[in-house]
Amino acid sequence: MTNKLHIGLLTGRIPYPNGMASAQRIHLMARAMAEAGAAVNVWVDGLDSWTDPRNPEATGERDGISFEYLLGKTQASRHKWRRIFDRFALIMAARLRMSETASAGILDGLYFYTSDLKFDFERAVVRSTAQKHKFPVVIDLREAPWCFNPNQSMIEKIVSPLCGADGVICISSFLADWVRQENTRTGRNVALLEIPILTDVNEFAHVTASPPGKTVLFAGSPAYDETLRFLLAAMETVWASHPDCNLVITGGATESTPGTMVKKGNTRIRYAGFLKRSALLQEYSASSVLAIPMFDDVRSNARFPTKLGEYLASGRPVVTNQVGEIARYLENDVNACVTPPGDAIAFAKSICRRLDDQAGSQVIGMNGRRVAQQHFHYANYGARLCEFFSSMKNGLAG
């Protein structure tokens, strides 16, 4: 075993490096550890859908981080039987790669970006391989785990969401508290590290003045139908006083998305679709207000949207809700605009104030950027992550 820390990063069905928030968090975790001196290998066990090829290269490098698609291809088949076969083939390929590197003495720990929401058989394979070759496994807890789901499967009722993990990285204090309670309930001592949302503040090295025109941006997933409905309800109030304001929605949402069907044909809404990273950052910079609705429910209290970190780093004013981690970092009308959860009218009025007060909006935006620099810039956490893996490696060796 060399003195250099060697970390394997298994993406857990997430295609990489081009993707949405999950791919970005994986990448920034890898960069943080690599820049702190670790050798990091990214093993991709996810595939792009056959209709959305975002990652053309099966092997490559991004920002100095090497990655490899374990099946040698990046796109899933359009045939269901082939997709099922590939899923099992990926699990076996991951097991082989972990075994090979561990046997060669160049795997000191595995960062496993597995699902929080439901049990995945791959966990069992990773765990058995880790036990055989004696390397620690760290999972990243980003959402309320499956024990909060009222419709759990039989195995989910029996198996703890911490199964297969020697350590866990929590994105919020809500999840950190849950891990401590789960350790007590199960009698385990899974190591815990809190790492919030991550962003690369330097992607916005040249923050420009507020753009001309009036544009509200929502960058998110079409899976959050409730979020879209809330935002559109708020925009009705915005449009009553600012009819020249445009709404831009990135991600997979279209006019046929459930949350947006009621606004079919609205010319003030632009569905930008999935964007390349550079184009998405340009959309941030070109917007007057960046909106990220959250709700007073378990999901919003547990999660901490990656987009919030990116929003703040852009230097544009952010409008969100007082839920979960928000109060820990943001103060209303100081470094963001924070409104009560579920109140679409208050959310809309906050947007309107930002549209009406360009100078004040710029101050709030720059204050928000300082929050991102201090708390969410990925490089702040590299040494801490490496120390976390080293302590667990040493614990297993002891």
Protein backbone atom coordinates (compact mmCIF):
# COMPACT_ATOMS: atom_id res chain seq x y z
CA MET A 1 0.00 0.00 0.00
CA THR A 2 1.44 3.38 -0.97
CA ASN A 3 1.16 6.49 1.18
CA LYS A 4 -1.00 8.23 -1.41
CA LEU A 5 -4.71 7.86 -0.73
CA HIS A 6 -6.51 5.99 -3.53
CA ILE A 7 -10.27 6.51 -3.78
CA GLY A 8 -12.61 4.72 -6.15
CA LEU A 9 -15.80 6.59 -7.00
CA LEU A 10 -18.71 4.45 -8.18
CA THR A 11 -21.46 6.60 -9.67
CA GLY A 12 -24.42 4.36 -8.84
CA ARG A 13 -26.42 4.50 -12.09
CA ILE A 14 -25.62 8.18 -12.68
CA PRO A 15 -24.13 8.91 -16.14
CA TYR A 16 -21.03 11.10 -15.90
CA PRO A 17 -19.61 13.71 -16.40
CA ASN A 18 -22.38 15.50 -18.31
CA GLY A 19 -25.65 15.50 -16.42
CA MET A 20 -27.73 17.32 -13.87
CA ALA A 21 -27.14 17.92 -10.16
CA SER A 22 -26.09 14.37 -9.28
CA ALA A 23 -23.31 14.26 -11.87
CA GLN A 24 -22.11 17.67 -10.73
CA ARG A 25 -21.92 16.63 -7.07
CA ILE A 26 -20.01 13.48 -8.00
CA HIS A 27 -17.57 15.53 -10.04
CA LEU A 28 -16.98 18.13 -7.37
CA MET A 29 -16.43 15.47 -4.70
CA ALA A 30 -13.85 13.84 -6.96
CA ARG A 31 -12.15 17.16 -7.69
CA ALA A 32 -12.05 18.12 -4.02
CA MET A 33 -10.28 14.90 -3.06
CA ALA A 34 -7.95 14.95 -6.07
CA GLU A 35 -6.87 18.53 -5.41
CA ALA A 36 -6.23 17.59 -1.77
CA GLY A 37 -3.73 14.97 -2.94
CA ALA A 38 -5.75 11.77 -3.41
CA ALA A 39 -5.75 9.60 -6.52
CA VAL A 40 -9.38 9.37 -7.64
CA ASN A 41 -10.79 6.99 -10.25
CA VAL A 42 -14.39 7.48 -11.37
CA TRP A 43 -16.15 4.29 -12.43
CA VAL A 44 -19.41 4.94 -14.23
CA ASP A 45 -22.04 2.25 -13.80
CA GLY A 46 -24.86 4.28 -15.31
CA LEU A 47 -25.88 4.79 -18.93
CA ASP A 48 -27.51 7.64 -20.81
CA SER A 49 -30.95 6.86 -22.17
CA TRP A 50 -31.08 5.96 -25.86
CA THR A 51 -32.98 9.19 -26.58
CA ASP A 52 -30.65 11.54 -24.68
CA PRO A 53 -26.95 10.95 -25.44
CA ARG A 54 -25.14 13.45 -23.21
CA ASN A 55 -21.90 11.53 -22.67
CA PRO A 56 -20.37 10.37 -25.96
CA GLU A 57 -17.00 9.23 -24.56
CA ALA A 58 -16.72 5.92 -22.67
CA THR A 59 -13.37 6.97 -21.22
CA GLY A 60 -11.99 10.42 -20.73
CA GLU A 61 -10.97 13.17 -18.39
CA ARG A 62 -12.68 16.28 -17.05
CA ASP A 63 -10.81 18.85 -14.96
CA GLY A 64 -8.04 16.32 -14.41
CA ILE A 65 -10.42 13.58 -13.19
CA SER A 66 -10.27 10.37 -15.24
CA PHE A 67 -13.47 8.42 -15.77
CA GLU A 68 -14.42 5.12 -17.34
CA TYR A 69 -17.77 3.61 -18.33
CA LEU A 70 -17.52 0.06 -17.04
CA LEU A 71 -19.35 -1.49 -20.01
CA GLY A 72 -17.31 0.43 -22.55
CA LYS A 73 -20.43 2.22 -23.82
CA THR A 74 -22.38 5.24 -22.64
CA GLN A 75 -25.92 4.71 -23.94
CA ALA A 76 -28.60 2.29 -22.87
CA SER A 77 -30.28 0.06 -25.41
CA ARG A 78 -33.76 0.85 -26.61
CA HIS A 79 -34.61 -2.83 -25.91
CA LYS A 80 -35.84 -3.59 -22.41
CA TRP A 81 -34.26 -7.05 -22.23
CA ARG A 82 -30.87 -5.58 -23.11
CA ARG A 83 -31.22 -2.86 -20.45
CA ILE A 84 -31.95 -5.51 -17.82
CA PHE A 85 -28.93 -7.54 -18.92
CA ASP A 86 -26.72 -4.44 -18.89
CA ARG A 87 -27.82 -3.56 -15.37
CA PHE A 88 -26.52 -6.87 -14.03
CA ALA A 89 -23.46 -6.69 -16.27
CA LEU A 90 -22.62 -3.28 -14.79
CA ILE A 91 -22.86 -4.61 -11.25
CA MET A 92 -20.51 -7.47 -12.08
CA ALA A 93 -18.12 -5.11 -13.89
CA ALA A 94 -18.08 -2.84 -10.83
CA ARG A 95 -17.30 -5.81 -8.60
CA LEU A 96 -14.45 -6.88 -10.86
CA ARG A 97 -12.96 -3.37 -10.97
CA MET A 98 -13.11 -2.99 -7.18
CA SER A 99 -11.52 -6.41 -6.69
CA GLU A 100 -8.74 -5.71 -9.18
CA THR A 101 -7.76 -2.37 -7.69
CA ALA A 102 -8.04 -3.59 -4.10
CA SER A 103 -5.86 -6.61 -4.87
CA ALA A 104 -3.30 -4.28 -6.45
CA GLY A 105 -3.23 -2.22 -3.23
CA ILE A 106 -4.65 0.91 -4.85
CA LEU A 107 -8.12 1.11 -3.30
CA ASP A 108 -8.19 2.72 0.14
CA GLY A 109 -11.88 3.55 0.07
CA LEU A 110 -14.96 3.65 -2.13
CA TYR A 111 -17.26 6.65 -2.49
CA PHE A 112 -20.53 5.02 -3.57
CA TYR A 113 -23.21 7.35 -4.97
CA THR A 114 -26.07 4.94 -4.48
CA SER A 115 -29.81 5.57 -4.19
CA ASP A 116 -31.21 6.95 -0.94
CA LEU A 117 -34.82 6.48 -2.00
CA LYS A 118 -34.97 2.73 -2.56
CA PHE A 119 -32.90 -0.36 -1.92
CA ASP A 120 -30.58 -1.36 -4.75
CA PHE A 121 -29.15 -4.88 -5.06
CA GLU A 122 -25.82 -3.32 -6.01
CA ARG A 123 -25.37 -2.34 -2.35
CA ALA A 124 -25.08 -6.00 -1.38
CA VAL A 125 -22.49 -6.64 -4.09
CA VAL A 126 -20.43 -3.62 -3.06
CA ARG A 127 -20.60 -4.62 0.59
CA SER A 128 -19.50 -8.21 0.02
CA THR A 129 -16.60 -7.03 -2.15
CA ALA A 130 -15.54 -4.46 0.43
CA GLN A 131 -15.59 -7.02 3.24
CA LYS A 132 -13.54 -9.49 1.20
CA HIS A 133 -10.88 -6.93 0.27
CA LYS A 134 -11.08 -4.83 3.43
CA PHE A 135 -11.74 -1.33 2.10
CA PRO A 136 -14.29 1.11 3.59
CA VAL A 137 -17.45 2.15 1.74
CA VAL A 138 -18.87 5.65 2.07
CA ILE A 139 -22.35 6.50 0.79
CA ASP A 140 -23.63 10.01 0.10
CA LEU A 141 -26.98 10.71 1.77
CA ARG A 142 -28.74 13.51 -0.14
CA GLU A 143 -32.47 12.84 0.21
CA ALA A 144 -34.82 11.51 2.88
CA PRO A 145 -33.99 7.77 2.79
CA TRP A 146 -36.46 5.03 2.06
CA CYS A 147 -37.46 4.57 5.72
CA PHE A 148 -39.43 7.85 5.36
CA ASN A 149 -41.40 6.41 2.45
CA PRO A 150 -44.84 5.11 3.54
CA ASN A 151 -44.81 2.65 0.61
CA GLN A 152 -41.70 0.66 1.41
CA SER A 153 -40.98 -2.73 -0.10
CA MET A 154 -40.63 -5.72 2.19
CA ILE A 155 -36.84 -5.59 2.06
CA GLU A 156 -36.86 -1.83 2.74
CA LYS A 157 -38.88 -2.44 5.90
CA ILE A 158 -36.17 -4.80 7.11
CA VAL A 159 -32.93 -3.27 5.80
CA SER A 160 -31.53 0.01 7.13
CA PRO A 161 -30.65 2.69 4.56
CA LEU A 162 -27.18 2.63 6.14
CA CYS A 163 -26.67 -0.99 5.14
CA GLY A 164 -23.37 -1.63 3.43
CA ALA A 165 -21.82 1.62 4.63
CA ASP A 166 -18.84 2.18 6.90
CA GLY A 167 -19.29 5.92 6.57
CA VAL A 168 -21.90 8.34 5.35
CA ILE A 169 -21.71 11.88 3.98
CA CYS A 170 -24.83 13.90 4.80
CA ILE A 171 -25.91 16.91 2.79
CA SER A 172 -28.04 18.41 5.60
CA SER A 173 -28.29 18.59 9.38
CA PHE A 174 -31.68 16.82 9.12
CA LEU A 175 -29.96 13.79 7.61
CA ALA A 176 -27.03 13.96 10.02
CA ASP A 177 -29.45 13.86 12.95
CA TRP A 178 -31.23 10.89 11.37
CA VAL A 179 -27.92 9.00 10.97
CA ARG A 180 -27.15 9.48 14.67
CA GLN A 181 -30.60 8.17 15.57
CA GLU A 182 -30.23 5.23 13.17
CA ASN A 183 -26.85 4.35 14.66
CA THR A 184 -28.49 4.24 18.08
CA ARG A 185 -31.42 2.17 16.81
CA THR A 186 -29.25 -0.40 15.02
CA GLY A 187 -26.35 -0.44 17.47
CA ARG A 188 -23.92 0.45 14.69
CA ASN A 189 -21.32 3.19 14.57
CA VAL A 190 -21.38 4.36 10.96
CA ALA A 191 -18.96 7.29 10.66
CA LEU A 192 -20.57 10.62 9.77
CA LEU A 193 -19.39 13.66 7.85
CA GLU A 194 -21.53 16.65 6.85
CA ILE A 195 -20.76 18.09 3.42
CA PRO A 196 -23.38 20.58 2.15
CA ILE A 197 -24.23 21.34 -1.45
CA LEU A 198 -21.11 21.92 -3.51
CA THR A 199 -20.39 24.33 -6.31
CA ASP A 200 -17.40 25.66 -8.19
CA VAL A 201 -17.52 29.38 -7.51
CA ASN A 202 -14.79 29.92 -10.09
CA GLU A 203 -17.16 28.90 -12.89
CA PHE A 204 -18.55 32.41 -12.42
CA ALA A 205 -15.17 34.16 -12.33
CA HIS A 206 -16.55 37.24 -14.12
CA VAL A 207 -19.83 38.21 -12.47
CA THR A 208 -21.44 40.86 -14.62
CA ALA A 209 -23.90 43.63 -13.79
CA SER A 210 -27.60 42.86 -13.70
CA PRO A 211 -28.80 41.96 -17.21
CA PRO A 212 -31.29 44.03 -19.19
CA GLY A 213 -34.87 42.87 -19.34
CA LYS A 214 -36.79 40.81 -16.79
CA THR A 215 -36.22 37.07 -16.60
CA VAL A 216 -36.94 34.55 -13.85
CA LEU A 217 -35.09 31.24 -14.15
CA PHE A 218 -35.98 27.86 -12.67
CA ALA A 219 -33.38 25.15 -13.23
CA GLY A 220 -34.74 21.85 -12.04
CA SER A 221 -36.11 18.43 -12.72
CA PRO A 222 -39.55 17.70 -14.19
CA ALA A 223 -39.90 15.14 -11.38
CA TYR A 224 -40.80 18.00 -9.07
CA ASP A 225 -44.30 18.67 -10.41
CA GLU A 226 -45.38 20.40 -7.20
CA THR A 227 -42.49 22.84 -7.56
CA LEU A 228 -43.53 23.75 -11.08
CA ARG A 229 -47.15 24.26 -10.11
CA PHE A 230 -46.14 26.49 -7.20
CA LEU A 231 -43.81 28.55 -9.38
CA LEU A 232 -46.42 29.04 -12.09
CA ALA A 233 -48.96 30.16 -9.50
CA ALA A 234 -46.44 32.71 -8.23
CA MET A 235 -45.68 33.89 -11.76
CA GLU A 236 -49.36 34.72 -12.34
CA THR A 237 -48.98 37.37 -9.63
CA VAL A 238 -45.66 38.52 -11.09
CA TRP A 239 -47.17 38.88 -14.55
CA ALA A 240 -50.02 40.98 -13.18
CA SER A 241 -47.53 43.78 -12.41
CA HIS A 242 -44.68 42.78 -14.76
CA PRO A 243 -46.29 41.47 -17.95
CA ASP A 244 -42.95 41.82 -19.76
CA CYS A 245 -41.24 39.30 -17.44
CA ASN A 246 -40.20 35.98 -18.97
CA LEU A 247 -39.90 32.63 -17.20
CA VAL A 248 -37.18 30.20 -18.32
CA ILE A 249 -37.41 26.55 -17.24
CA THR A 250 -34.41 24.30 -17.85
CA GLY A 251 -34.24 20.53 -17.47
CA GLY A 252 -36.73 18.06 -18.89
CA ALA A 253 -39.91 20.07 -18.36
CA THR A 254 -42.05 20.82 -21.42
CA GLU A 255 -45.59 22.01 -22.06
CA SER A 256 -46.73 18.41 -21.55
CA THR A 257 -45.16 18.12 -18.09
CA PRO A 258 -47.98 17.77 -15.49
CA GLY A 259 -46.91 20.85 -13.58
CA THR A 260 -46.91 23.05 -16.69
CA MET A 261 -49.82 21.78 -18.80
CA VAL A 262 -52.09 24.52 -17.48
CA LYS A 263 -49.81 27.07 -19.12
CA LYS A 264 -49.68 25.47 -22.54
CA GLY A 265 -49.03 28.07 -25.20
CA ASN A 266 -47.88 30.80 -22.80
CA THR A 267 -45.32 32.75 -24.86
CA ARG A 268 -43.74 34.19 -21.71
CA ILE A 269 -42.46 30.74 -20.76
CA ARG A 270 -39.42 29.29 -22.51
CA TYR A 271 -38.64 25.61 -22.00
CA ALA A 272 -34.90 25.46 -22.52
CA GLY A 273 -34.59 21.69 -22.03
CA PHE A 274 -31.40 19.97 -20.94
CA LEU A 275 -28.48 22.30 -21.51
CA LYS A 276 -24.75 21.84 -21.77
CA ARG A 277 -22.92 23.12 -18.72
CA SER A 278 -21.67 26.29 -20.44
CA ALA A 279 -25.15 27.13 -21.73
CA LEU A 280 -26.71 26.59 -18.30
CA LEU A 281 -24.22 28.96 -16.68
CA GLN A 282 -25.02 31.56 -19.34
CA GLU A 283 -28.72 31.23 -18.49
CA TYR A 284 -27.92 31.97 -14.83
CA SER A 285 -25.95 35.07 -15.73
CA ALA A 286 -28.64 36.31 -18.11
CA SER A 287 -31.43 36.08 -15.52
CA SER A 288 -32.78 38.79 -13.23
CA VAL A 289 -33.97 36.37 -10.52
CA LEU A 290 -33.19 32.70 -9.82
CA ALA A 291 -36.13 30.85 -8.26
CA ILE A 292 -36.00 27.65 -6.22
CA PRO A 293 -39.28 26.88 -4.39
CA MET A 294 -39.11 24.50 -1.42
CA PHE A 295 -41.82 23.12 0.84
CA ASP A 296 -42.30 22.34 4.51
CA ASP A 297 -42.16 18.57 4.05
CA VAL A 298 -39.67 15.79 4.74
CA ARG A 299 -38.21 15.91 1.26
CA SER A 300 -37.37 19.63 1.36
CA ASN A 301 -36.18 19.50 4.97
CA ALA A 302 -33.83 16.61 4.20
CA ARG A 303 -32.44 17.66 0.84
CA PHE A 304 -30.31 20.63 -0.04
CA PRO A 305 -30.61 21.41 -3.78
CA THR A 306 -27.29 21.63 -5.63
CA LYS A 307 -28.85 24.30 -7.81
CA LEU A 308 -29.05 26.62 -4.81
CA GLY A 309 -25.25 26.65 -4.54
CA GLU A 310 -24.91 27.34 -8.25
CA TYR A 311 -27.53 30.08 -8.07
CA LEU A 312 -25.69 31.84 -5.25
CA ALA A 313 -22.31 31.50 -6.95
CA SER A 314 -23.67 33.28 -10.04
CA GLY A 315 -24.15 36.53 -8.13
CA ARG A 316 -27.81 36.78 -9.11
CA PRO A 317 -30.51 37.25 -6.43
CA VAL A 318 -32.12 34.01 -5.30
CA VAL A 319 -35.73 33.62 -4.17
CA THR A 320 -36.49 30.53 -2.09
CA ASN A 321 -38.40 29.40 1.02
CA GLN A 322 -37.58 29.16 4.73
CA VAL A 323 -37.16 25.39 4.92
CA GLY A 324 -34.49 23.02 6.21
CA GLU A 325 -30.93 24.24 5.71
CA ILE A 326 -31.97 27.63 4.32
CA ALA A 327 -32.00 29.44 7.69
CA ARG A 328 -28.56 28.02 8.45
CA TYR A 329 -26.98 30.01 5.63
CA LEU A 330 -29.36 32.63 4.23
CA GLU A 331 -30.99 35.76 5.63
CA ASN A 332 -33.93 37.40 3.94
CA ASP A 333 -33.08 40.53 1.91
CA VAL A 334 -29.42 40.24 2.92
CA ASN A 335 -27.94 37.40 0.84
CA ALA A 336 -31.14 35.94 -0.65
CA CYS A 337 -34.89 36.43 -0.60
CA VAL A 338 -36.48 33.94 1.77
CA THR A 339 -40.26 33.59 2.01
CA PRO A 340 -42.61 31.35 4.05
CA PRO A 341 -43.07 27.88 2.52
CA GLY A 342 -46.27 27.30 0.56
CA ASP A 343 -47.06 31.01 0.14
CA ALA A 344 -47.06 31.66 -3.60
CA ILE A 345 -48.14 35.28 -3.16
CA ALA A 346 -45.21 36.07 -0.84
CA PHE A 347 -42.88 34.29 -3.26
CA ALA A 348 -44.22 36.38 -6.14
CA LYS A 349 -43.94 39.65 -4.24
CA SER A 350 -40.34 38.87 -3.43
CA ILE A 351 -39.63 38.32 -7.14
CA CYS A 352 -41.35 41.60 -7.95
CA ARG A 353 -39.21 43.51 -5.42
CA ARG A 354 -36.09 42.15 -7.07
CA LEU A 355 -37.35 43.14 -10.52
CA ASP A 356 -38.15 46.65 -9.27
CA ASP A 357 -34.88 47.26 -7.41
CA GLN A 358 -31.93 46.47 -9.66
CA ALA A 359 -29.32 48.05 -7.38
CA GLY A 360 -30.61 46.24 -4.30
CA SER A 361 -30.79 43.00 -6.24
CA GLN A 362 -27.14 43.30 -7.20
CA VAL A 363 -26.13 43.76 -3.55
CA ILE A 364 -28.16 40.72 -2.47
CA GLY A 365 -26.72 38.69 -5.33
CA MET A 366 -23.12 39.52 -4.43
CA ASN A 367 -23.76 38.79 -0.76
CA GLY A 368 -25.17 35.43 -1.82
CA ARG A 369 -22.04 34.77 -3.84
CA ARG A 370 -19.94 35.34 -0.72
CA VAL A 371 -22.04 32.71 1.07
CA ALA A 372 -21.27 30.28 -1.74
CA GLN A 373 -17.55 31.06 -1.53
CA GLN A 374 -17.46 30.54 2.22
CA HIS A 375 -19.70 27.51 2.61
CA PHE A 376 -20.25 25.72 -0.70
CA HIS A 377 -17.05 25.98 -2.76
CA TYR A 378 -15.95 22.40 -3.34
CA ALA A 379 -12.24 22.99 -2.62
CA ASN A 380 -13.08 23.87 1.00
CA TYR A 381 -13.83 20.20 1.66
CA GLY A 382 -11.03 18.25 -0.02
CA ALA A 383 -8.79 17.81 3.03
CA ARG A 384 -11.79 16.97 5.21
CA LEU A 385 -12.94 14.26 2.81
CA CYS A 386 -9.47 12.73 2.57
CA GLU A 387 -9.12 12.70 6.36
CA PHE A 388 -12.52 10.99 6.60
CA PHE A 389 -11.49 8.19 4.24
CA SER A 390 -8.06 7.86 5.89
CA SER A 391 -9.59 7.47 9.35
CA MET A 392 -11.87 4.70 8.17
CA LYS A 393 -9.06 2.95 6.28
CA ASN A 394 -6.93 3.06 9.42
CA GLY A 395 -9.85 1.81 11.48
CA LEU A 396 -10.25 -1.25 9.27
CA ALA A 397 -6.50 -1.87 9.33
CA GLY A 398 -6.53 -1.68 13.13
